[in-house]
């Protein structure tokens, strides 16, 4: 791969360009912050000076809620499976250099250093890391070392980052310029390279962080002064200045369970603060913590969603996963463009293509949801067919719901029976001709077992017409039930079953059949009893007739 040059670069970097190892100056962080100091940090950052903004971010990261949310995001990415894609395109598959890169990767990019660079890229908008090159596994490889952004400034006159590096004596430092495509440095800017600090999370977090800090301090002071002893005069005489001073000093010196003797006409009252700590301070702290998590992870499940809402948990999990996926994409681009292109060319030649690091950020497939979709689609197909309709393109329908292509089950068509061949053995002779040699399939097996094989009128073996068999079993059961009713309750000359059959022979219309049955048995059965029987008879007719014949066709 040919390394692209910046417009003002005359030649490509060589291995000799990355041999110096720099020393990072010490970091001193301001501990007390006010709104005016935050505004100064923002103003300095807009001018390219990162020192105050970086110090502020150090304090932000130290907050338990902000630090925890950042760890969820950066640690979540580092904990995912990692692969290496061929740099020639999305369809190229795994990189041919993947085995070598897998051997070198964890030496090149230790998790703790990579997480630091990533976290600062998110919160400040830019994260910095030095690449210390050396030999490893017989190859020339870098090793990432995080640098605190306090040491960096952006020179807007030349559009370059500059960094202060300490001398070996630790007493002095120099400022060097980081040129584009410098293999000594990784500059991670997830929000873009133009004024990256302007989109860092620190600007929004800092306001809520100040509110939380003030609330915590005020809550401590509130607790300290929740109850105060106040000296009051009970008469017309007011205490003098000297009396007030003496009594105040004496009360301060009183230890536990002490006793104070007051002059005449003076009294002590206990004055307690009546405001609720919950309403004054805890609410502010909770609001700040919720804002922190929402800004960093895009969800506030742990602070806002009440109860065990599975739907809410699923939504928040997807939002958080999208942010981690975005981090994986931006970090992959930075590492490949600022490190792996050099690792590839210096170890495998200019014709080799640098791999893309790819974290498995897609969540695992929900098998339960997939099964539910499959089941619902299958039920829909059955209902559509039962309603008398046909789906024009089943493959398209199943594809829309992510179901693999379906193949129709093949059913062996029965061979036509020759005229006069009632047993279907192909010899043209009636059943019982003694010639079973021509019988095939089930017939041959039945002949061998001594049991004659039954066929339907269509010639199809019963074993291949389960619908008809089910319908017949239902019809037989219904007939037995009706016969029992006839024997116990109905005494007509022709019997109940015969009357129903006769009525059905007259007409296939429901009203005509019902009228005929009622006319024959209106004196011997109630309308409810007749209706119950008619319902089962028509169900039997539909199942044993229409459905069975359709399956037998």
Protein backbone atom coordinates (compact mmCIF):
# COMPACT_ATOMS: atom_id res chain seq x y z
CA UNK A 1 0.00 0.00 0.00
CA UNK A 2 1.28 3.47 -0.87
CA UNK A 3 1.13 5.86 2.08
CA UNK A 4 -0.55 9.11 1.12
CA UNK A 5 1.48 12.24 1.78
CA UNK A 6 0.29 15.52 3.18
CA UNK A 7 0.51 18.39 0.66
CA UNK A 8 3.56 19.85 2.41
CA UNK A 9 5.34 16.53 2.95
CA UNK A 10 8.27 15.89 0.66
CA UNK A 11 8.85 12.23 1.38
CA UNK A 12 7.26 9.31 3.16
CA UNK A 13 8.22 8.64 6.79
CA UNK A 14 10.82 5.98 7.36
CA UNK A 15 11.58 3.74 10.31
CA UNK A 16 14.29 6.14 11.39
CA UNK A 17 11.71 8.89 11.82
CA UNK A 18 10.03 7.07 14.72
CA UNK A 19 13.02 6.03 16.82
CA UNK A 20 13.01 8.89 19.42
CA UNK A 21 11.09 8.14 22.62
CA UNK A 22 9.66 11.23 24.27
CA UNK A 23 9.18 11.90 27.98
CA UNK A 24 5.81 13.25 29.13
CA UNK A 25 5.94 16.31 31.44
CA UNK A 26 4.31 16.13 34.85
CA UNK A 27 0.60 16.85 35.18
CA UNK A 28 -0.79 19.18 37.83
CA UNK A 29 -4.56 19.48 37.98
CA UNK A 30 -6.58 22.33 39.49
CA UNK A 31 -8.93 20.92 42.14
CA UNK A 32 -11.34 23.81 42.84
CA UNK A 33 -13.57 25.01 40.04
CA UNK A 34 -16.02 27.87 39.67
CA UNK A 35 -18.31 28.86 36.80
CA UNK A 36 -15.82 31.58 35.84
CA UNK A 37 -13.00 29.03 35.59
CA UNK A 38 -15.14 26.76 33.42
CA UNK A 39 -15.82 29.66 31.09
CA UNK A 40 -12.07 30.34 30.95
CA UNK A 41 -11.41 26.71 30.01
CA UNK A 42 -13.91 26.96 27.16
CA UNK A 43 -12.41 30.23 25.95
CA UNK A 44 -8.85 28.86 26.03
CA UNK A 45 -9.89 25.72 24.16
CA UNK A 46 -11.47 27.79 21.43
CA UNK A 47 -8.08 29.45 21.05
CA UNK A 48 -6.34 26.07 20.78
CA UNK A 49 -4.97 25.93 24.34
CA UNK A 50 -6.00 22.61 25.88
CA UNK A 51 -4.43 22.89 29.35
CA UNK A 52 -7.42 24.17 31.36
CA UNK A 53 -9.95 22.05 29.45
CA UNK A 54 -7.82 18.95 30.06
CA UNK A 55 -7.58 19.73 33.78
CA UNK A 56 -11.35 20.13 33.93
CA UNK A 57 -11.83 16.80 32.14
CA UNK A 58 -9.56 15.15 34.71
CA UNK A 59 -11.96 16.25 37.44
CA UNK A 60 -14.96 15.15 35.41
CA UNK A 61 -13.55 11.66 34.89
CA UNK A 62 -12.92 11.41 38.64
CA UNK A 63 -16.67 11.70 39.28
CA UNK A 64 -18.07 8.23 39.97
CA UNK A 65 -21.03 8.59 37.60
CA UNK A 66 -19.05 10.09 34.71
CA UNK A 67 -16.16 7.66 35.13
CA UNK A 68 -18.52 4.70 35.35
CA UNK A 69 -20.43 5.72 32.23
CA UNK A 70 -17.18 6.19 30.29
CA UNK A 71 -15.95 2.80 31.46
CA UNK A 72 -19.20 1.21 30.27
CA UNK A 73 -18.68 2.68 26.83
CA UNK A 74 -14.92 2.21 26.36
CA UNK A 75 -14.70 -1.05 28.30
CA UNK A 76 -17.71 -2.37 26.43
CA UNK A 77 -15.89 -1.86 23.15
CA UNK A 78 -12.61 -3.38 24.33
CA UNK A 79 -14.47 -6.43 25.65
CA UNK A 80 -15.91 -7.34 22.24
CA UNK A 81 -14.46 -9.92 19.88
CA UNK A 82 -11.98 -8.44 17.42
CA UNK A 83 -11.26 -9.44 13.84
CA UNK A 84 -9.27 -8.02 10.96
CA UNK A 85 -10.93 -7.31 7.65
CA UNK A 86 -9.15 -7.14 4.34
CA UNK A 87 -8.49 -3.52 3.43
CA UNK A 88 -9.56 -4.03 -0.18
CA UNK A 89 -13.28 -3.76 0.56
CA UNK A 90 -16.24 -4.98 2.59
CA UNK A 91 -16.66 -8.09 0.46
CA UNK A 92 -13.00 -9.14 0.65
CA UNK A 93 -13.38 -11.06 3.92
CA UNK A 94 -10.60 -11.57 6.46
CA UNK A 95 -7.25 -9.95 5.81
CA UNK A 96 -4.41 -12.24 4.66
CA UNK A 97 -2.30 -10.48 7.32
CA UNK A 98 -4.76 -11.33 10.10
CA UNK A 99 -2.61 -14.13 11.64
CA UNK A 100 0.41 -11.84 12.01
CA UNK A 101 -1.66 -8.92 13.28
CA UNK A 102 -3.36 -11.14 15.85
CA UNK A 103 0.09 -12.01 17.21
CA UNK A 104 1.15 -8.36 17.42
CA UNK A 105 -2.10 -6.60 18.31
CA UNK A 106 -2.15 -6.76 22.12
CA UNK A 107 1.48 -5.72 22.28
CA UNK A 108 0.79 -2.82 19.92
CA UNK A 109 -2.45 -1.61 21.53
CA UNK A 110 -2.72 -2.58 25.23
CA UNK A 111 -6.29 -2.34 26.49
CA UNK A 112 -5.53 0.15 29.26
CA UNK A 113 -3.75 2.57 26.92
CA UNK A 114 -6.35 2.22 24.15
CA UNK A 115 -9.19 2.84 26.62
CA UNK A 116 -7.50 6.03 27.83
CA UNK A 117 -7.09 7.40 24.31
CA UNK A 118 -10.70 6.47 23.49
CA UNK A 119 -12.14 7.99 26.68
CA UNK A 120 -10.34 11.31 26.17
CA UNK A 121 -11.41 11.38 22.55
CA UNK A 122 -15.01 11.13 23.73
CA UNK A 123 -14.93 13.56 26.65
CA UNK A 124 -12.50 16.23 25.35
CA UNK A 125 -13.03 15.58 21.67
CA UNK A 126 -9.42 14.55 21.06
CA UNK A 127 -7.21 11.81 22.52
CA UNK A 128 -3.45 11.48 22.02
CA UNK A 129 -1.12 8.52 22.02
CA UNK A 130 2.57 8.16 21.25
CA UNK A 131 3.63 5.14 19.20
CA UNK A 132 6.91 3.71 20.47
CA UNK A 133 8.27 1.57 17.65
CA UNK A 134 10.50 -1.43 18.17
CA UNK A 135 11.04 -5.09 17.31
CA UNK A 136 8.49 -7.70 18.36
CA UNK A 137 7.89 -11.20 16.95
CA UNK A 138 10.56 -10.48 14.37
CA UNK A 139 8.60 -7.47 13.07
CA UNK A 140 8.88 -3.70 13.49
CA UNK A 141 5.79 -2.75 15.48
CA UNK A 142 4.49 0.22 17.50
CA UNK A 143 3.38 0.22 21.13
CA UNK A 144 0.74 2.77 22.09
CA UNK A 145 1.42 5.07 25.08
CA UNK A 146 -1.30 7.48 26.24
CA UNK A 147 -0.38 11.15 26.59
CA UNK A 148 -2.34 13.63 28.70
CA UNK A 149 -3.97 16.29 26.49
CA UNK A 150 -2.80 19.01 28.93
CA UNK A 151 0.50 19.04 27.05
CA UNK A 152 -1.07 19.77 23.64
CA UNK A 153 -2.05 22.96 21.88
CA UNK A 154 -3.51 23.54 18.46
CA UNK A 155 -1.77 26.14 16.32
CA UNK A 156 -4.56 27.58 14.20
CA UNK A 157 -2.11 29.54 12.03
CA UNK A 158 -0.61 26.34 10.57
CA UNK A 159 -3.43 23.89 11.50
CA UNK A 160 -1.10 21.60 13.41
CA UNK A 161 -1.08 20.08 16.87
CA UNK A 162 1.95 20.89 19.04
CA UNK A 163 3.09 18.99 22.12
CA UNK A 164 5.50 19.80 24.95
CA UNK A 165 8.03 17.05 25.58
CA UNK A 166 10.30 16.94 28.62
CA UNK A 167 14.06 16.57 28.42
CA UNK A 168 15.84 13.74 30.13
CA UNK A 169 16.91 16.02 32.99
CA UNK A 170 13.26 16.80 33.72
CA UNK A 171 14.09 20.48 34.17
CA UNK A 172 13.18 21.76 30.70
CA UNK A 173 10.94 20.97 27.77
CA UNK A 174 10.54 21.63 24.09
CA UNK A 175 7.48 21.99 21.90
CA UNK A 176 7.39 19.89 18.76
CA UNK A 177 4.92 19.98 15.89
CA UNK A 178 2.96 16.88 14.89
CA UNK A 179 2.87 16.69 11.13
CA UNK A 180 0.06 14.88 9.27
CA UNK A 181 0.74 11.16 8.78
CA UNK A 182 3.37 11.22 11.54
CA UNK A 183 3.89 7.56 12.58
CA UNK A 184 5.00 8.70 16.04
CA UNK A 185 1.52 9.83 17.07
CA UNK A 186 -2.11 8.77 17.01
CA UNK A 187 -4.57 11.66 17.23
CA UNK A 188 -8.05 10.27 17.86
CA UNK A 189 -10.84 12.73 16.99
CA UNK A 190 -14.19 10.84 16.96
CA UNK A 191 -16.18 14.00 16.17
CA UNK A 192 -13.96 15.14 13.31
CA UNK A 193 -10.62 16.92 13.05
CA UNK A 194 -12.02 20.46 12.77
CA UNK A 195 -12.23 22.02 16.25
CA UNK A 196 -12.78 18.62 17.88
CA UNK A 197 -12.86 20.12 21.40
CA UNK A 198 -16.05 22.00 20.52
CA UNK A 199 -18.04 18.78 20.30
CA UNK A 200 -16.47 16.97 23.24
CA UNK A 201 -18.78 15.89 26.06
CA UNK A 202 -16.97 18.07 28.59
CA UNK A 203 -18.83 21.26 27.71
CA UNK A 204 -22.23 19.89 28.68
CA UNK A 205 -20.98 17.72 31.54
CA UNK A 206 -19.11 20.54 33.27
CA UNK A 207 -22.26 22.55 34.07
CA UNK A 208 -24.00 19.59 35.70
CA UNK A 209 -20.77 18.63 37.45
CA UNK A 210 -20.58 22.08 39.08
CA UNK A 211 -24.20 21.80 40.24
CA UNK A 212 -23.50 18.38 41.74
CA UNK A 213 -20.34 19.55 43.51
CA UNK A 214 -22.09 22.57 44.98
CA UNK A 215 -25.01 20.39 46.10
CA UNK A 216 -22.66 17.95 47.83
CA UNK A 217 -20.82 20.79 49.60
CA UNK A 218 -24.02 22.54 50.63
CA UNK A 219 -25.49 19.28 51.90
CA UNK A 220 -22.46 18.79 54.15
CA UNK A 221 -22.73 22.32 55.48
CA UNK A 222 -26.47 21.83 55.98
CA UNK A 223 -25.83 18.75 58.07
CA UNK A 224 -23.20 20.52 60.12
CA UNK A 225 -25.49 23.43 60.90
CA UNK A 226 -28.80 21.60 60.99
CA UNK A 227 -29.26 22.65 64.64
CA UNK A 228 -27.84 25.88 66.15
CA UNK A 229 -27.95 27.25 69.71
CA UNK A 230 -29.13 30.83 69.71
CA UNK A 231 -28.95 33.09 72.79
CA UNK A 232 -31.95 35.38 73.21
CA UNK A 233 -32.92 38.04 75.73
CA UNK A 234 -36.15 37.31 77.62
CA UNK A 235 -36.62 40.80 79.08
CA UNK A 236 -36.36 44.34 77.85
CA UNK A 237 -32.64 44.40 78.40
CA UNK A 238 -30.45 43.66 75.35
CA UNK A 239 -27.01 42.07 75.77
CA UNK A 240 -24.02 44.24 75.28
CA UNK A 241 -21.34 43.50 72.75
CA UNK A 242 -18.99 42.22 75.43
CA UNK A 243 -21.69 39.96 76.89
CA UNK A 244 -22.46 38.44 73.49
CA UNK A 245 -18.77 37.81 72.87
CA UNK A 246 -18.21 36.21 76.27
CA UNK A 247 -21.27 33.96 76.03
CA UNK A 248 -20.34 32.89 72.48
CA UNK A 249 -16.84 31.92 73.57
CA UNK A 250 -18.12 30.00 76.59
CA UNK A 251 -20.63 28.07 74.45
CA UNK A 252 -17.91 27.15 71.96
CA UNK A 253 -15.78 25.77 74.76
CA UNK A 254 -18.60 23.66 76.23
CA UNK A 255 -17.86 19.98 75.62
CA UNK A 256 -20.22 17.05 75.41
CA UNK A 257 -22.99 17.17 78.00
CA UNK A 258 -21.69 20.56 79.18
CA UNK A 259 -23.76 23.06 81.20
CA UNK A 260 -23.96 26.77 80.44
CA UNK A 261 -24.98 29.36 83.09
CA UNK A 262 -26.51 32.44 81.52
CA UNK A 263 -26.96 35.89 83.07
CA UNK A 264 -30.38 37.01 84.22
CA UNK A 265 -32.89 37.79 81.46
CA UNK A 266 -31.06 35.58 78.88
CA UNK A 267 -32.19 32.24 77.39
CA UNK A 268 -30.88 29.61 74.89
CA UNK A 269 -33.06 28.24 72.08
CA UNK A 270 -32.32 25.38 69.67
CA UNK A 271 -33.04 26.50 66.11
CA UNK A 272 -33.27 23.68 63.52
CA UNK A 273 -33.25 23.94 59.74
CA UNK A 274 -36.64 22.84 58.44
CA UNK A 275 -35.76 22.42 54.74
CA UNK A 276 -35.58 18.82 53.46
CA UNK A 277 -32.14 17.56 52.35
CA UNK A 278 -33.93 15.29 49.87
CA UNK A 279 -35.68 18.19 48.17
CA UNK A 280 -32.76 20.61 48.30
CA UNK A 281 -29.69 18.55 47.42
CA UNK A 282 -30.42 14.90 46.60
CA UNK A 283 -32.71 15.96 43.74
CA UNK A 284 -29.89 18.06 42.23
CA UNK A 285 -27.39 15.21 42.55
CA UNK A 286 -29.79 12.75 40.93
CA UNK A 287 -30.53 15.13 38.06
CA UNK A 288 -26.79 15.60 37.46
CA UNK A 289 -26.10 11.84 37.51
CA UNK A 290 -28.93 11.24 35.08
CA UNK A 291 -27.56 13.92 32.74
CA UNK A 292 -24.09 12.35 32.86
CA UNK A 293 -25.28 8.89 31.83
CA UNK A 294 -27.64 10.25 29.19
CA UNK A 295 -24.89 12.33 27.58
CA UNK A 296 -22.29 9.55 27.54
CA UNK A 297 -24.29 6.39 26.88
CA UNK A 298 -27.43 7.82 25.31
CA UNK A 299 -29.64 6.13 27.89
CA UNK A 300 -30.58 6.61 31.53
CA UNK A 301 -32.08 3.21 32.31
CA UNK A 302 -30.55 2.94 35.76
CA UNK A 303 -31.68 6.39 36.88
CA UNK A 304 -35.00 7.05 35.14
CA UNK A 305 -36.81 3.87 34.07
CA UNK A 306 -38.94 2.56 36.91
CA UNK A 307 -39.92 -1.06 37.39
CA UNK A 308 -38.94 -4.10 35.39
CA UNK A 309 -39.81 -2.86 31.93
CA UNK A 310 -38.30 -5.36 29.51
CA UNK A 311 -39.24 -3.16 26.54
CA UNK A 312 -37.48 -0.14 28.05
CA UNK A 313 -34.40 -2.22 28.81
CA UNK A 314 -34.28 -3.47 25.22
CA UNK A 315 -34.57 0.06 23.80
CA UNK A 316 -31.84 1.46 26.04
CA UNK A 317 -29.57 -1.47 25.29
CA UNK A 318 -29.92 -0.82 21.55
CA UNK A 319 -29.12 2.90 22.01
CA UNK A 320 -25.99 2.10 24.01
CA UNK A 321 -24.95 -0.53 21.46
CA UNK A 322 -25.23 2.01 18.64
CA UNK A 323 -22.84 4.36 20.43
CA UNK A 324 -20.34 1.58 21.05
CA UNK A 325 -20.64 0.59 17.38
CA UNK A 326 -19.86 4.18 16.38
CA UNK A 327 -16.80 4.20 18.66
CA UNK A 328 -15.60 0.99 17.04
CA UNK A 329 -15.86 2.52 13.57
CA UNK A 330 -14.04 5.76 14.42
CA UNK A 331 -11.30 4.00 16.41
CA UNK A 332 -10.80 1.48 13.61
CA UNK A 333 -10.33 4.31 11.10
CA UNK A 334 -7.84 6.12 13.33
CA UNK A 335 -5.73 3.05 14.10
CA UNK A 336 -5.61 1.84 10.52
CA UNK A 337 -4.80 5.22 8.98
CA UNK A 338 -2.27 6.31 11.60
CA UNK A 339 -0.61 3.02 12.55
CA UNK A 340 -1.45 -0.12 10.58
CA UNK A 341 -0.54 1.38 7.21
CA UNK A 342 3.05 1.76 8.47
CA UNK A 343 3.08 -1.63 10.19
CA UNK A 344 1.97 -3.20 6.91
CA UNK A 345 4.36 -1.41 4.58
CA UNK A 346 7.45 -1.67 6.79
CA UNK A 347 6.93 -5.39 7.44
CA UNK A 348 5.28 -6.71 4.27
CA UNK A 349 6.12 -4.21 1.55
CA UNK A 350 4.33 -1.42 -0.26
CA UNK A 351 2.18 -3.85 -2.25
CA UNK A 352 0.46 -5.20 0.88
CA UNK A 353 -2.89 -3.80 2.00
CA UNK A 354 -3.35 -2.66 5.59
CA UNK A 355 -6.13 -4.52 7.46
CA UNK A 356 -9.12 -2.90 9.15
CA UNK A 357 -9.62 -3.78 12.84
CA UNK A 358 -13.29 -4.68 13.31
CA UNK A 359 -14.96 -5.18 16.67
CA UNK A 360 -18.05 -7.41 16.71
CA UNK A 361 -20.43 -4.64 17.73
CA UNK A 362 -23.61 -6.22 16.33
CA UNK A 363 -25.68 -7.74 19.16
CA UNK A 364 -26.32 -11.51 19.02
CA UNK A 365 -29.43 -12.59 17.16
CA UNK A 366 -32.54 -12.94 19.31
CA UNK A 367 -33.47 -16.56 18.63
CA UNK A 368 -36.70 -16.33 20.61
CA UNK A 369 -37.93 -13.35 18.61
CA UNK A 370 -36.90 -15.08 15.38
CA UNK A 371 -38.89 -18.20 16.34
CA UNK A 372 -41.94 -16.08 17.19
CA UNK A 373 -41.81 -14.37 13.78
CA UNK A 374 -41.47 -17.74 12.04
CA UNK A 375 -44.44 -19.15 13.94
CA UNK A 376 -46.63 -16.10 13.29
CA UNK A 377 -45.80 -16.17 9.57
CA UNK A 378 -46.64 -19.87 9.33
CA UNK A 379 -49.98 -19.31 11.06
CA UNK A 380 -50.75 -16.44 8.70
CA UNK A 381 -50.09 -18.64 5.67
CA UNK A 382 -52.44 -21.32 7.03
CA UNK A 383 -55.21 -18.80 7.75
CA UNK A 384 -54.88 -17.20 4.33
CA UNK A 385 -55.22 -20.58 2.66
CA UNK A 386 -58.17 -21.56 4.89
CA UNK A 387 -59.94 -18.35 3.88
CA UNK A 388 -59.76 -19.42 0.24
CA UNK A 389 -56.84 -17.24 -0.85
CA UNK A 390 -53.37 -18.04 -2.13
CA UNK A 391 -50.19 -16.07 -1.53
CA UNK A 392 -48.82 -15.19 -4.94
CA UNK A 393 -45.17 -15.18 -3.87
CA UNK A 394 -44.47 -17.13 -0.69
CA UNK A 395 -40.70 -16.68 -1.08
CA UNK A 396 -41.07 -12.89 -1.08
CA UNK A 397 -43.29 -12.99 1.98
CA UNK A 398 -40.91 -15.19 3.96
CA UNK A 399 -37.93 -13.10 2.85
CA UNK A 400 -39.60 -9.98 4.27
CA UNK A 401 -39.72 -11.67 7.68
CA UNK A 402 -36.20 -13.13 7.50
CA UNK A 403 -37.35 -16.73 7.01
CA UNK A 404 -35.25 -19.02 4.80
CA UNK A 405 -36.69 -20.12 1.47
CA UNK A 406 -39.26 -22.87 1.78
CA UNK A 407 -39.57 -25.92 -0.47
CA UNK A 408 -42.87 -27.71 -0.96
CA UNK A 409 -42.95 -31.26 0.28
CA UNK A 410 -43.07 -33.65 -2.65
CA UNK A 411 -45.85 -36.25 -2.57
CA UNK A 412 -45.59 -39.29 -4.83
CA UNK A 413 -48.48 -39.25 -7.29
CA UNK A 414 -50.32 -42.61 -7.45
CA UNK A 415 -50.07 -44.46 -10.71
CA UNK A 416 -53.40 -44.69 -12.61
CA UNK A 417 -55.28 -47.91 -12.02
CA UNK A 418 -56.03 -49.93 -15.22
CA UNK A 419 -59.71 -50.59 -15.96
CA UNK A 420 -60.92 -53.63 -14.06
CA UNK A 421 -57.96 -53.63 -11.69
CA UNK A 422 -59.78 -53.04 -8.44
CA UNK A 423 -56.89 -53.90 -6.15
CA UNK A 424 -54.45 -51.55 -7.90
CA UNK A 425 -51.75 -54.19 -8.42
CA UNK A 426 -51.46 -53.41 -12.12
CA UNK A 427 -52.51 -56.85 -13.41
CA UNK A 428 -56.04 -55.83 -14.43
CA UNK A 429 -57.54 -58.54 -12.25
CA UNK A 430 -60.04 -58.07 -9.42
CA UNK A 431 -58.98 -58.25 -5.78
CA UNK A 432 -58.11 -61.68 -4.47
CA UNK A 433 -56.74 -62.91 -7.80
CA UNK A 434 -53.85 -64.48 -5.95
CA UNK A 435 -51.29 -62.55 -7.99
CA UNK A 436 -49.42 -60.21 -5.68
CA UNK A 437 -46.29 -60.12 -7.74
CA UNK A 438 -47.29 -56.88 -9.43
CA UNK A 439 -48.27 -55.11 -6.20
CA UNK A 440 -45.83 -52.42 -5.12
CA UNK A 441 -45.20 -50.21 -2.12
CA UNK A 442 -47.59 -50.77 0.75
CA UNK A 443 -49.55 -53.41 -1.13
CA UNK A 444 -46.52 -55.68 -1.35
CA UNK A 445 -45.80 -55.17 2.32
CA UNK A 446 -49.42 -55.92 3.24
CA UNK A 447 -49.40 -59.06 1.12
CA UNK A 448 -46.28 -60.23 2.87
CA UNK A 449 -47.94 -59.71 6.23
CA UNK A 450 -51.18 -61.39 5.14
CA UNK A 451 -53.23 -58.17 5.52
CA UNK A 452 -54.95 -56.79 2.39
CA UNK A 453 -54.03 -53.15 1.63
CA UNK A 454 -57.01 -50.74 1.59
CA UNK A 455 -57.24 -48.00 -1.03
CA UNK A 456 -59.57 -45.03 -1.47
CA UNK A 457 -61.84 -44.70 -4.46
CA UNK A 458 -59.19 -42.54 -6.10
CA UNK A 459 -56.68 -45.39 -5.80
CA UNK A 460 -54.54 -43.54 -3.21
CA UNK A 461 -53.47 -45.70 -0.23
CA UNK A 462 -55.05 -44.71 3.06
CA UNK A 463 -51.60 -44.04 4.53
CA UNK A 464 -51.26 -41.12 2.11
CA UNK A 465 -54.70 -39.62 2.87
CA UNK A 466 -54.50 -38.78 6.54
CA UNK A 467 -57.05 -35.96 6.16
CA UNK A 468 -59.72 -38.36 4.96
CA UNK A 469 -58.93 -40.79 7.78
CA UNK A 470 -59.20 -38.01 10.39
CA UNK A 471 -62.53 -36.89 8.93
CA UNK A 472 -63.88 -40.42 8.88
CA UNK A 473 -62.90 -41.01 12.50
CA UNK A 474 -64.69 -37.81 13.48
CA UNK A 475 -67.78 -38.82 11.51
CA UNK A 476 -67.88 -42.27 13.12
CA UNK A 477 -67.58 -40.72 16.57
CA UNK A 478 -70.43 -38.33 15.83
CA UNK A 479 -72.62 -41.14 14.54
CA UNK A 480 -72.04 -43.18 17.70
CA UNK A 481 -72.93 -40.15 19.78
CA UNK A 482 -76.15 -39.57 17.82
CA UNK A 483 -77.15 -43.22 18.08
CA UNK A 484 -76.83 -43.02 21.84
CA UNK A 485 -79.06 -39.96 21.89
CA UNK A 486 -81.57 -41.72 19.66
CA UNK A 487 -81.73 -44.74 21.94
CA UNK A 488 -82.23 -42.66 25.09
CA UNK A 489 -84.30 -39.65 24.13
CA UNK A 490 -85.83 -39.93 20.68
CA UNK A 491 -88.46 -42.49 19.80
CA UNK A 492 -89.49 -41.54 16.28
CA UNK A 493 -90.53 -44.34 13.90
CA UNK A 494 -87.49 -43.90 11.70
CA UNK A 495 -84.99 -42.94 14.37
CA UNK A 496 -83.15 -39.68 14.74
CA UNK A 497 -80.12 -40.48 12.62
CA UNK A 498 -82.22 -41.65 9.71
CA UNK A 499 -84.26 -38.43 9.87
CA UNK A 500 -81.15 -36.28 9.77
CA UNK A 501 -79.75 -38.24 6.81
CA UNK A 502 -83.07 -37.99 4.99
CA UNK A 503 -83.16 -34.25 5.62
CA UNK A 504 -79.65 -33.82 4.26
CA UNK A 505 -80.60 -35.80 1.16
CA UNK A 506 -83.47 -33.38 0.52
CA UNK A 507 -81.27 -30.26 0.44
CA UNK A 508 -77.81 -29.01 1.32
CA UNK A 509 -79.24 -25.75 2.62
CA UNK A 510 -78.89 -25.25 6.35
CA UNK A 511 -82.36 -23.75 6.77
CA UNK A 512 -84.08 -26.55 4.86
CA UNK A 513 -82.27 -29.26 6.85
CA UNK A 514 -83.05 -27.56 10.16
CA UNK A 515 -86.73 -27.14 9.25
CA UNK A 516 -87.03 -30.81 8.25
CA UNK A 517 -85.48 -32.02 11.51
CA UNK A 518 -87.64 -29.73 13.64
CA UNK A 519 -90.75 -30.84 11.78
CA UNK A 520 -89.96 -34.49 12.44
CA UNK A 521 -88.99 -34.13 16.10
CA UNK A 522 -90.46 -30.92 17.45
CA UNK A 523 -92.56 -32.89 19.90
CA UNK A 524 -89.73 -35.10 21.12
CA UNK A 525 -86.76 -32.69 21.49
CA UNK A 526 -86.20 -29.10 22.49
CA UNK A 527 -84.87 -26.60 19.90
CA UNK A 528 -81.63 -26.33 21.91
CA UNK A 529 -81.06 -30.10 21.66
CA UNK A 530 -81.77 -30.09 17.93
CA UNK A 531 -79.43 -27.09 17.40
CA UNK A 532 -76.62 -28.84 19.29
CA UNK A 533 -76.94 -31.93 17.15
CA UNK A 534 -77.19 -29.93 13.90
CA UNK A 535 -74.00 -28.04 14.80
CA UNK A 536 -72.07 -31.26 15.17
CA UNK A 537 -73.62 -32.73 12.03
CA UNK A 538 -72.56 -29.77 9.89
CA UNK A 539 -69.11 -29.76 11.48
CA UNK A 540 -68.88 -33.44 10.61
CA UNK A 541 -69.97 -32.71 7.07
CA UNK A 542 -67.38 -29.99 6.58
CA UNK A 543 -64.54 -32.00 8.09
CA UNK A 544 -65.34 -35.42 6.66
CA UNK A 545 -66.52 -34.00 3.36
CA UNK A 546 -64.82 -30.85 2.17
CA UNK A 547 -61.51 -30.98 4.09
CA UNK A 548 -60.95 -34.70 3.67
CA UNK A 549 -61.80 -34.66 0.00
CA UNK A 550 -59.47 -31.70 -0.54
CA UNK A 551 -56.61 -33.61 1.07
CA UNK A 552 -57.49 -36.75 -0.84
CA UNK A 553 -57.64 -34.92 -4.19
